[in-house]
């Protein structure tokens, strides 16, 4: 029995209450409800969000709602919503820097994290990253054979039974090993051993379970335990992994990794560092958030490059003296993140005293509001042809980048026809893959470096293609409304994005 079926049964049993009755109707909802407005359903019950969270389509629902009700922008008098405070329960009562609603606490945490994850520290760990990337790329092909490799499911993450036990998930294995190495100097060795590979399932389950708690009031705690046992079990496995990894690392000698950097980092003004409890919560954050975000970003790039083959040639992506100089590769990363953001629905914010006016509408203090990333990234007012993979939209037509990075003639001509005002609008106001402002992701630089290294080295060394007849990762009418685009990488909202595929094959290039 699926989670959706269990939800429907449970809600029918508890239909005596008005909220449960509303939720029961929502559980059977597959599209717009003609008799009662969306606003009324959303305002009456928490179960609206829960149903879409279980289905993994909150980002798509937000896109539909914003097509219907419009999108707003703001200079917000807000802070992180109190719903995130519930996540502290799973880490000994101490929130992480990404979940604390206290502005002063977040400011302190962010300063310490930024000092630990600065570019100098990241570059000093280059060899730890590269050794994992080398293993990854060599295992994409079968020895020295010149023909196509066996197919690889690049990142099976969905919380569904995995029927392809002989298929690996190389991107997920790679990023998990990298994060283990550079965070704790302890690789999880998922690329080499099957022992810990259930991490790729338990971590997404944990994220979904923790996020589910934030969507429901505490009065529903028993409901969560009954309906979503797998998610709660995922939380237990995740917190156990975080605790054991922390204890192991704390017992080791000092060495070059992010955890040691966090131990040493201090606030410039106060000299304050992290307490032991804060380090435990940050260890959990580093274990899960950084890896899931980078896996989604990297896998999405592989999907779009393989489904737009004119961009998958080394002639389109050339490695310069420094990785950052490969501007077309960075444009591919930006465009993949726009199409498939790692956090594709909402990051809730609470209105502060004094209230907030958005597009003439006033919201009182305590109101939770958010702008969904997926909906914003696909708004035609900001992005022309929003469901088309167009890396050149990120390259200014006034630059000479076409010569520098080896764009094809067709790509150069198309770039010259691009409206720079649209480019500026996207880059400055409508691209929120890593958030914006004081709560934006401080691991953005690391994510870009990892994705750039993996994709650049892979495309330089190998030809790549989608396995013939495979549609894994693609949209299809079978997946439901607004999931029918075959060239859109399909993600499921579990706060971070979950996904499956693409199924790719590789062949050594003759360089």
Protein backbone atom coordinates (compact mmCIF):
# COMPACT_ATOMS: atom_id res chain seq x y z
CA UNK A 1 0.00 0.00 0.00
CA UNK A 2 1.40 3.38 -1.00
CA UNK A 3 1.72 6.39 1.30
CA UNK A 4 -0.97 8.14 -0.72
CA UNK A 5 -3.38 5.22 -0.22
CA UNK A 6 -2.67 5.10 3.52
CA UNK A 7 -3.30 8.84 3.70
CA UNK A 8 -6.69 8.52 2.04
CA UNK A 9 -7.78 5.65 4.32
CA UNK A 10 -6.67 7.48 7.46
CA UNK A 11 -8.40 10.69 6.47
CA UNK A 12 -11.68 8.94 5.69
CA UNK A 13 -11.64 7.35 9.14
CA UNK A 14 -11.12 10.77 10.75
CA UNK A 15 -13.58 12.64 8.54
CA UNK A 16 -15.73 13.60 11.54
CA UNK A 17 -13.69 16.75 12.07
CA UNK A 18 -13.96 19.62 9.63
CA UNK A 19 -10.23 19.69 8.98
CA UNK A 20 -10.02 15.96 8.32
CA UNK A 21 -13.01 16.18 6.00
CA UNK A 22 -11.26 18.93 4.06
CA UNK A 23 -8.07 16.89 3.99
CA UNK A 24 -9.93 13.83 2.72
CA UNK A 25 -11.17 15.86 -0.22
CA UNK A 26 -7.67 17.15 -0.83
CA UNK A 27 -6.21 13.65 -0.76
CA UNK A 28 -8.35 12.78 -3.76
CA UNK A 29 -7.59 16.07 -5.53
CA UNK A 30 -5.99 15.69 -8.96
CA UNK A 31 -6.57 19.17 -10.36
CA UNK A 32 -8.44 22.43 -9.83
CA UNK A 33 -11.55 22.06 -7.66
CA UNK A 34 -14.42 23.98 -9.27
CA UNK A 35 -16.73 24.40 -6.29
CA UNK A 36 -14.37 25.73 -3.61
CA UNK A 37 -11.40 28.02 -4.21
CA UNK A 38 -7.77 26.98 -3.78
CA UNK A 39 -7.34 29.80 -1.25
CA UNK A 40 -10.07 28.37 1.00
CA UNK A 41 -8.64 24.86 0.97
CA UNK A 42 -5.15 26.13 1.71
CA UNK A 43 -6.36 28.37 4.54
CA UNK A 44 -8.46 25.65 6.20
CA UNK A 45 -5.91 22.88 6.58
CA UNK A 46 -2.25 21.91 6.78
CA UNK A 47 -3.07 18.76 4.82
CA UNK A 48 -3.05 20.65 1.52
CA UNK A 49 0.75 20.93 1.74
CA UNK A 50 1.09 17.40 3.13
CA UNK A 51 -0.79 15.83 0.21
CA UNK A 52 1.41 17.61 -2.32
CA UNK A 53 4.53 16.80 -0.31
CA UNK A 54 3.64 13.09 -0.36
CA UNK A 55 3.07 13.31 -4.12
CA UNK A 56 6.32 15.24 -4.54
CA UNK A 57 4.67 17.85 -6.75
CA UNK A 58 4.47 20.97 -4.56
CA UNK A 59 6.76 22.84 -6.95
CA UNK A 60 4.46 22.02 -9.88
CA UNK A 61 1.37 22.97 -7.87
CA UNK A 62 2.98 26.30 -6.98
CA UNK A 63 3.69 26.86 -10.67
CA UNK A 64 0.00 26.24 -11.44
CA UNK A 65 -1.12 28.56 -8.61
CA UNK A 66 1.22 31.34 -9.70
CA UNK A 67 0.02 31.04 -13.29
CA UNK A 68 -3.47 31.56 -11.88
CA UNK A 69 -2.88 34.12 -9.12
CA UNK A 70 0.32 35.94 -10.23
CA UNK A 71 3.81 36.20 -8.73
CA UNK A 72 5.07 38.94 -6.47
CA UNK A 73 8.45 40.32 -5.47
CA UNK A 74 9.44 42.02 -2.27
CA UNK A 75 12.02 43.74 -0.14
CA UNK A 76 10.94 41.69 2.79
CA UNK A 77 10.45 42.55 6.43
CA UNK A 78 10.68 38.86 7.28
CA UNK A 79 12.69 36.21 9.06
CA UNK A 80 12.92 32.44 8.67
CA UNK A 81 9.59 30.83 9.58
CA UNK A 82 9.04 29.20 12.97
CA UNK A 83 8.12 25.98 11.14
CA UNK A 84 11.84 25.26 10.86
CA UNK A 85 12.19 25.25 14.64
CA UNK A 86 10.61 21.78 14.71
CA UNK A 87 13.65 20.32 12.96
CA UNK A 88 15.80 21.01 16.05
CA UNK A 89 14.01 18.14 17.80
CA UNK A 90 16.00 15.68 15.68
CA UNK A 91 19.39 17.14 16.65
CA UNK A 92 19.23 17.32 20.42
CA UNK A 93 17.12 20.48 20.40
CA UNK A 94 19.73 22.60 18.60
CA UNK A 95 18.84 24.07 15.19
CA UNK A 96 21.40 24.30 12.40
CA UNK A 97 22.42 27.47 10.63
CA UNK A 98 19.93 26.65 7.87
CA UNK A 99 16.95 26.17 10.20
CA UNK A 100 17.27 28.59 13.12
CA UNK A 101 14.55 31.28 12.98
CA UNK A 102 16.53 33.59 15.27
CA UNK A 103 18.12 36.32 13.13
CA UNK A 104 21.04 37.04 15.49
CA UNK A 105 21.78 33.33 15.90
CA UNK A 106 21.67 32.80 12.15
CA UNK A 107 23.96 35.77 11.55
CA UNK A 108 26.54 34.34 13.96
CA UNK A 109 26.24 30.82 12.51
CA UNK A 110 26.51 32.09 8.96
CA UNK A 111 29.66 34.10 9.69
CA UNK A 112 31.38 31.06 11.18
CA UNK A 113 30.29 28.80 8.32
CA UNK A 114 31.39 31.29 5.68
CA UNK A 115 34.83 31.48 7.27
CA UNK A 116 35.06 27.68 7.26
CA UNK A 117 33.83 27.24 3.68
CA UNK A 118 35.80 30.08 2.12
CA UNK A 119 37.43 29.56 -1.32
CA UNK A 120 40.92 29.20 0.19
CA UNK A 121 39.82 26.25 2.36
CA UNK A 122 37.93 24.68 -0.53
CA UNK A 123 40.94 24.95 -2.84
CA UNK A 124 43.16 23.38 -0.17
CA UNK A 125 40.93 20.29 -0.34
CA UNK A 126 41.17 20.03 -4.12
CA UNK A 127 43.07 16.74 -4.06
CA UNK A 128 40.47 15.09 -1.81
CA UNK A 129 37.80 16.07 -4.32
CA UNK A 130 39.84 15.06 -7.37
CA UNK A 131 40.69 11.57 -6.13
CA UNK A 132 36.99 10.79 -5.90
CA UNK A 133 36.30 12.36 -9.31
CA UNK A 134 39.07 10.23 -10.87
CA UNK A 135 37.50 7.06 -9.52
CA UNK A 136 34.08 8.20 -10.73
CA UNK A 137 35.16 8.91 -14.29
CA UNK A 138 37.15 5.69 -14.71
CA UNK A 139 34.20 3.60 -13.56
CA UNK A 140 31.87 5.15 -16.12
CA UNK A 141 33.43 2.94 -18.79
CA UNK A 142 34.29 -0.74 -18.81
CA UNK A 143 38.08 -0.86 -18.70
CA UNK A 144 39.77 0.19 -21.94
CA UNK A 145 36.97 -0.88 -24.25
CA UNK A 146 36.17 1.54 -27.05
CA UNK A 147 32.45 0.81 -27.28
CA UNK A 148 29.59 2.18 -25.19
CA UNK A 149 29.58 1.40 -21.48
CA UNK A 150 26.76 -0.40 -19.68
CA UNK A 151 23.98 2.08 -18.80
CA UNK A 152 24.24 4.06 -15.58
CA UNK A 153 21.23 5.41 -13.68
CA UNK A 154 23.00 8.61 -12.71
CA UNK A 155 21.17 9.19 -9.41
CA UNK A 156 18.32 6.95 -8.30
CA UNK A 157 16.98 8.83 -5.25
CA UNK A 158 13.23 8.32 -5.30
CA UNK A 159 11.68 6.69 -2.26
CA UNK A 160 10.47 3.77 -4.35
CA UNK A 161 11.63 0.14 -4.52
CA UNK A 162 14.77 -0.03 -6.65
CA UNK A 163 14.22 -2.82 -9.16
CA UNK A 164 17.52 -2.18 -10.96
CA UNK A 165 19.85 -3.71 -8.40
CA UNK A 166 22.56 -4.14 -11.04
CA UNK A 167 22.51 -0.43 -11.90
CA UNK A 168 24.68 1.99 -10.00
CA UNK A 169 24.02 5.62 -9.15
CA UNK A 170 27.44 7.13 -9.78
CA UNK A 171 26.67 10.80 -9.13
CA UNK A 172 25.08 10.08 -5.76
CA UNK A 173 27.95 7.80 -4.75
CA UNK A 174 30.55 10.34 -5.85
CA UNK A 175 29.12 13.39 -4.09
CA UNK A 176 28.51 11.44 -0.87
CA UNK A 177 32.13 10.27 -0.85
CA UNK A 178 33.39 13.77 -1.58
CA UNK A 179 31.35 15.29 1.24
CA UNK A 180 32.56 12.61 3.66
CA UNK A 181 36.18 13.30 2.72
CA UNK A 182 36.17 17.07 2.79
CA UNK A 183 33.84 17.40 5.78
CA UNK A 184 35.14 14.69 8.11
CA UNK A 185 38.19 13.17 6.36
CA UNK A 186 36.16 9.96 6.29
CA UNK A 187 34.85 8.73 2.97
CA UNK A 188 31.59 6.78 3.07
CA UNK A 189 33.14 4.71 0.21
CA UNK A 190 29.87 4.35 -1.64
CA UNK A 191 31.73 4.21 -4.96
CA UNK A 192 33.75 1.20 -3.87
CA UNK A 193 31.54 -0.70 -1.41
CA UNK A 194 27.81 -1.47 -1.24
CA UNK A 195 27.74 -1.48 2.58
CA UNK A 196 26.52 2.09 3.14
CA UNK A 197 24.62 2.71 -0.08
CA UNK A 198 21.30 2.79 1.72
CA UNK A 199 22.39 6.34 2.65
CA UNK A 200 21.09 7.41 -0.76
CA UNK A 201 17.63 6.28 0.32
CA UNK A 202 17.66 7.05 4.05
CA UNK A 203 18.88 10.64 3.65
CA UNK A 204 16.09 11.67 1.24
CA UNK A 205 13.60 9.90 3.50
CA UNK A 206 14.97 11.85 6.45
CA UNK A 207 14.68 15.17 4.63
CA UNK A 208 11.11 14.37 3.60
CA UNK A 209 10.23 13.24 7.12
CA UNK A 210 11.69 16.32 8.77
CA UNK A 211 10.01 18.56 6.21
CA UNK A 212 6.70 16.79 6.77
CA UNK A 213 6.92 17.71 10.45
CA UNK A 214 7.23 21.38 9.49
CA UNK A 215 4.06 21.14 7.38
CA UNK A 216 1.86 19.78 10.18
CA UNK A 217 1.09 21.14 13.59
CA UNK A 218 2.28 19.15 16.61
CA UNK A 219 -1.24 17.83 17.16
CA UNK A 220 -0.71 15.61 14.15
CA UNK A 221 2.41 13.84 15.48
CA UNK A 222 0.56 10.52 15.90
CA UNK A 223 -0.81 10.82 12.37
CA UNK A 224 2.71 11.22 11.00
CA UNK A 225 3.97 8.13 12.84
CA UNK A 226 1.10 6.03 11.47
CA UNK A 227 1.02 7.29 7.89
CA UNK A 228 4.67 7.85 7.14
CA UNK A 229 6.63 5.15 8.95
CA UNK A 230 9.36 5.01 6.30
CA UNK A 231 10.00 8.72 6.59
CA UNK A 232 10.27 8.58 10.37
CA UNK A 233 12.63 5.59 10.05
CA UNK A 234 14.72 7.65 7.63
CA UNK A 235 15.01 10.39 10.26
CA UNK A 236 16.28 7.86 12.81
CA UNK A 237 18.88 6.47 10.41
CA UNK A 238 20.02 9.94 9.45
CA UNK A 239 20.37 11.27 13.01
CA UNK A 240 22.21 8.07 13.94
CA UNK A 241 24.63 8.55 11.05
CA UNK A 242 25.20 12.20 11.97
CA UNK A 243 25.87 11.34 15.62
CA UNK A 244 28.24 8.45 14.88
CA UNK A 245 30.16 10.45 12.28
CA UNK A 246 30.48 13.37 14.68
CA UNK A 247 31.74 11.13 17.49
CA UNK A 248 34.28 9.48 15.19
CA UNK A 249 35.58 12.79 13.88
CA UNK A 250 35.78 14.37 17.33
CA UNK A 251 38.06 11.54 18.46
CA UNK A 252 40.52 12.04 15.57
CA UNK A 253 43.52 14.29 15.32
CA UNK A 254 43.16 17.65 13.66
CA UNK A 255 43.33 17.51 9.87
CA UNK A 256 42.36 19.51 6.83
CA UNK A 257 38.57 19.30 6.53
CA UNK A 258 35.50 21.47 6.97
CA UNK A 259 34.69 20.09 10.38
CA UNK A 260 38.12 21.11 11.68
CA UNK A 261 37.61 24.50 10.03
CA UNK A 262 34.31 24.82 11.93
CA UNK A 263 36.09 23.91 15.16
CA UNK A 264 38.64 26.65 14.57
CA UNK A 265 36.41 29.34 13.06
CA UNK A 266 35.42 32.31 15.21
CA UNK A 267 33.20 35.33 14.77
CA UNK A 268 35.43 38.29 13.86
CA UNK A 269 33.78 40.67 16.31
CA UNK A 270 32.99 38.46 19.30
CA UNK A 271 35.55 35.67 18.97
CA UNK A 272 32.74 33.20 19.62
CA UNK A 273 32.84 29.73 18.04
CA UNK A 274 30.44 26.79 17.87
CA UNK A 275 29.41 24.82 20.94
CA UNK A 276 29.42 21.01 20.85
CA UNK A 277 25.65 20.89 20.30
CA UNK A 278 25.92 23.39 17.48
CA UNK A 279 28.67 21.33 15.87
CA UNK A 280 26.41 18.25 15.94
CA UNK A 281 23.62 20.11 14.15
CA UNK A 282 26.06 21.58 11.61
CA UNK A 283 27.45 18.08 10.98
CA UNK A 284 23.94 16.97 10.08
CA UNK A 285 23.55 19.94 7.75
CA UNK A 286 26.87 19.27 6.03
CA UNK A 287 26.05 15.58 5.66
CA UNK A 288 22.72 16.04 3.96
CA UNK A 289 22.14 19.51 2.52
CA UNK A 290 25.44 20.01 0.73
CA UNK A 291 25.39 16.52 -0.85
CA UNK A 292 21.74 16.56 -1.98
CA UNK A 293 22.04 20.01 -3.54
CA UNK A 294 25.18 19.09 -5.49
CA UNK A 295 23.76 15.74 -6.62
CA UNK A 296 20.68 17.46 -8.06
CA UNK A 297 22.72 20.19 -9.74
CA UNK A 298 25.20 17.74 -11.30
CA UNK A 299 22.60 15.21 -12.40
CA UNK A 300 20.44 17.90 -13.98
CA UNK A 301 23.42 19.08 -16.02
CA UNK A 302 24.01 15.55 -17.32
CA UNK A 303 20.32 15.23 -18.16
CA UNK A 304 20.12 18.45 -20.15
CA UNK A 305 23.43 17.96 -21.95
CA UNK A 306 22.37 14.45 -23.00
CA UNK A 307 18.92 15.63 -24.13
CA UNK A 308 20.28 18.62 -26.04
CA UNK A 309 23.13 16.84 -27.87
CA UNK A 310 24.35 19.94 -29.69
CA UNK A 311 25.73 21.06 -26.33
CA UNK A 312 27.40 17.79 -25.30
CA UNK A 313 30.54 18.10 -27.42
CA UNK A 314 33.96 19.12 -26.23
CA UNK A 315 33.81 21.75 -28.99
CA UNK A 316 31.16 23.54 -26.91
CA UNK A 317 32.91 23.22 -23.55
CA UNK A 318 36.65 23.82 -23.46
CA UNK A 319 38.70 23.86 -20.31
CA UNK A 320 40.71 27.04 -19.89
CA UNK A 321 43.68 27.77 -17.68
CA UNK A 322 41.30 27.87 -14.73
CA UNK A 323 37.99 26.13 -14.32
CA UNK A 324 36.22 29.44 -13.68
CA UNK A 325 37.30 30.67 -17.12
CA UNK A 326 35.12 28.07 -18.81
CA UNK A 327 32.20 30.45 -19.02
CA UNK A 328 30.02 28.30 -21.26
CA UNK A 329 30.22 25.41 -18.80
CA UNK A 330 29.15 27.77 -16.02
CA UNK A 331 26.28 28.93 -18.22
CA UNK A 332 25.20 25.28 -18.59
CA UNK A 333 25.27 24.92 -14.81
CA UNK A 334 23.21 28.09 -14.30
CA UNK A 335 20.64 27.01 -16.87
CA UNK A 336 20.34 23.52 -15.37
CA UNK A 337 19.84 25.04 -11.91
CA UNK A 338 17.19 27.35 -13.32
CA UNK A 339 15.27 24.50 -14.92
CA UNK A 340 15.68 22.07 -12.01
CA UNK A 341 16.49 23.96 -8.79
CA UNK A 342 17.79 21.75 -5.94
CA UNK A 343 15.12 23.23 -3.63
CA UNK A 344 12.25 23.62 -6.03
CA UNK A 345 9.28 24.70 -3.91
CA UNK A 346 9.41 27.17 -1.00
CA UNK A 347 11.57 28.45 1.84
CA UNK A 348 9.01 29.81 4.27
CA UNK A 349 9.50 33.24 5.83
CA UNK A 350 7.58 34.81 8.73
CA UNK A 351 6.44 38.44 8.55
CA UNK A 352 8.06 40.54 11.30
CA UNK A 353 6.40 43.20 13.50
CA UNK A 354 5.14 46.06 11.38
CA UNK A 355 3.72 43.74 8.75
CA UNK A 356 4.53 43.51 5.06
CA UNK A 357 2.85 44.93 1.97
CA UNK A 358 3.17 42.88 -1.22
CA UNK A 359 1.68 44.29 -4.42
CA UNK A 360 -0.79 46.38 -2.43
CA UNK A 361 -1.79 43.51 -0.13
CA UNK A 362 -0.90 43.87 3.57
CA UNK A 363 0.16 40.79 5.58
CA UNK A 364 0.12 40.97 9.39
CA UNK A 365 3.03 39.93 11.62
CA UNK A 366 3.32 36.17 12.04
CA UNK A 367 2.10 35.33 8.53
CA UNK A 368 4.17 32.70 6.68
CA UNK A 369 4.95 33.64 3.08
CA UNK A 370 7.29 32.36 0.37
CA UNK A 371 8.21 32.60 -3.31
CA UNK A 372 8.49 29.14 -4.96
CA UNK A 373 11.77 28.76 -6.87
CA UNK A 374 10.41 26.49 -9.60
CA UNK A 375 7.47 28.79 -10.33
CA UNK A 376 9.68 31.89 -10.44
CA UNK A 377 12.27 30.22 -12.69
CA UNK A 378 9.58 29.27 -15.21
CA UNK A 379 7.69 32.56 -15.40
CA UNK A 380 7.62 33.75 -19.02
CA UNK A 381 7.78 37.39 -17.90
CA UNK A 382 11.31 36.77 -16.68
CA UNK A 383 12.47 33.92 -18.92
CA UNK A 384 11.71 33.52 -22.61
CA UNK A 385 10.85 29.91 -23.47
CA UNK A 386 11.21 28.92 -19.81
CA UNK A 387 11.11 25.15 -20.36
CA UNK A 388 13.87 25.16 -23.00
CA UNK A 389 17.52 24.53 -22.09
CA UNK A 390 19.34 27.64 -23.40
CA UNK A 391 22.75 28.14 -21.72
CA UNK A 392 23.49 31.10 -23.98
CA UNK A 393 20.85 33.14 -22.16
CA UNK A 394 23.44 33.49 -19.35
CA UNK A 395 26.17 34.88 -21.62
CA UNK A 396 26.15 38.58 -22.41
CA UNK A 397 26.10 39.29 -26.14
CA UNK A 398 28.48 42.21 -25.49
CA UNK A 399 31.28 39.86 -24.41
CA UNK A 400 33.75 37.92 -26.54
CA UNK A 401 33.00 34.74 -24.66
CA UNK A 402 32.01 32.88 -27.86
CA UNK A 403 35.64 32.99 -28.97
CA UNK A 404 37.00 32.18 -25.52
CA UNK A 405 34.96 29.07 -24.80
CA UNK A 406 34.44 27.72 -28.31
CA UNK A 407 30.73 28.14 -28.92
CA UNK A 408 29.48 26.62 -32.13
CA UNK A 409 28.54 29.05 -34.93
CA UNK A 410 24.84 28.34 -34.36
CA UNK A 411 25.14 29.00 -30.63
CA UNK A 412 27.03 32.24 -31.29
CA UNK A 413 24.39 33.53 -33.69
CA UNK A 414 21.59 32.62 -31.29
CA UNK A 415 23.40 34.39 -28.45
CA UNK A 416 23.71 37.54 -30.56
CA UNK A 417 19.95 37.58 -31.04
CA UNK A 418 19.30 37.33 -27.31
CA UNK A 419 17.71 40.26 -25.50
CA UNK A 420 20.24 41.44 -22.90
CA UNK A 421 17.50 43.11 -20.85
CA UNK A 422 15.92 39.69 -20.34
CA UNK A 423 19.31 38.28 -19.39
CA UNK A 424 19.80 40.99 -16.76
CA UNK A 425 16.32 40.40 -15.36
CA UNK A 426 16.96 36.68 -14.96
CA UNK A 427 20.40 37.08 -13.45
CA UNK A 428 19.49 39.73 -10.92
CA UNK A 429 15.92 39.08 -9.83
CA UNK A 430 14.50 35.76 -10.99
CA UNK A 431 17.30 33.27 -10.32
CA UNK A 432 16.98 31.90 -6.79
CA UNK A 433 18.46 28.39 -6.98
CA UNK A 434 20.58 29.07 -3.88
CA UNK A 435 18.28 31.60 -2.27
CA UNK A 436 18.95 35.32 -1.98
CA UNK A 437 19.99 37.75 0.71
CA UNK A 438 21.15 37.00 4.22
CA UNK A 439 19.82 33.43 4.24
CA UNK A 440 21.21 32.35 0.87
CA UNK A 441 23.22 29.13 0.67
CA UNK A 442 26.77 29.70 1.91
CA UNK A 443 27.87 26.44 0.21
CA UNK A 444 27.16 27.80 -3.29
CA UNK A 445 30.84 28.15 -4.22
CA UNK A 446 31.56 24.55 -3.22
CA UNK A 447 28.56 23.26 -5.20
CA UNK A 448 29.72 25.09 -8.33
CA UNK A 449 33.28 23.82 -7.96
CA UNK A 450 32.20 20.20 -7.51
CA UNK A 451 29.71 20.24 -10.38
CA UNK A 452 32.16 22.02 -12.68
CA UNK A 453 34.93 19.51 -12.02
CA UNK A 454 32.72 16.46 -12.48
CA UNK A 455 30.99 17.64 -15.66
CA UNK A 456 34.05 19.20 -17.30
CA UNK A 457 36.28 16.17 -16.81
CA UNK A 458 33.55 13.74 -17.86
CA UNK A 459 32.71 15.58 -21.09
CA UNK A 460 36.37 16.12 -21.90
CA UNK A 461 37.17 12.41 -21.65
CA UNK A 462 33.98 10.70 -22.83
CA UNK A 463 31.25 10.83 -25.40
CA UNK A 464 27.86 10.54 -23.74
CA UNK A 465 24.42 9.43 -24.83
CA UNK A 466 21.07 8.48 -23.34
CA UNK A 467 20.60 4.71 -23.38
CA UNK A 468 18.56 3.88 -26.50
CA UNK A 469 14.85 3.55 -25.70
CA UNK A 470 15.35 4.85 -22.14
CA UNK A 471 13.08 7.65 -20.95
CA UNK A 472 14.17 7.62 -17.29
CA UNK A 473 14.15 11.13 -15.87
CA UNK A 474 12.00 12.52 -18.67
CA UNK A 475 8.52 13.94 -18.46
CA UNK A 476 5.58 11.88 -19.67
CA UNK A 477 1.80 12.11 -19.70
CA UNK A 478 1.84 8.97 -17.53
CA UNK A 479 3.37 11.03 -14.70
CA UNK A 480 0.35 13.30 -14.47
CA UNK A 481 -0.64 16.87 -15.19
CA UNK A 482 2.17 19.33 -15.96
CA UNK A 483 4.78 16.55 -16.04
CA UNK A 484 4.45 15.75 -19.74
CA UNK A 485 7.55 17.51 -21.14
CA UNK A 486 10.08 14.84 -22.27
CA UNK A 487 13.02 17.27 -22.20
CA UNK A 488 12.35 18.46 -18.65
CA UNK A 489 14.24 16.64 -15.89
CA UNK A 490 11.58 15.41 -13.49
CA UNK A 491 12.10 16.13 -9.81
CA UNK A 492 9.97 15.35 -6.76
CA UNK A 493 9.76 17.84 -3.93
CA UNK A 494 11.05 16.50 -0.62
CA UNK A 495 12.23 19.97 0.40
CA UNK A 496 15.40 19.16 -1.54
CA UNK A 497 14.67 17.65 -4.96
CA UNK A 498 14.52 13.90 -5.47
CA UNK A 499 14.89 12.35 -8.91
CA UNK A 500 15.69 9.26 -10.94
CA UNK A 501 17.86 9.03 -14.03
CA UNK A 502 18.92 9.85 -16.60
CA UNK A 503 20.12 6.47 -17.86
CA UNK A 504 23.37 7.29 -19.66
CA UNK A 505 26.14 5.46 -21.49
CA UNK A 506 29.72 6.65 -21.97
CA UNK A 507 32.51 5.94 -24.44
CA UNK A 508 36.12 7.07 -24.33
CA UNK A 509 36.89 9.94 -26.65
CA UNK A 510 39.94 9.98 -28.85
CA UNK A 511 41.68 13.15 -27.65
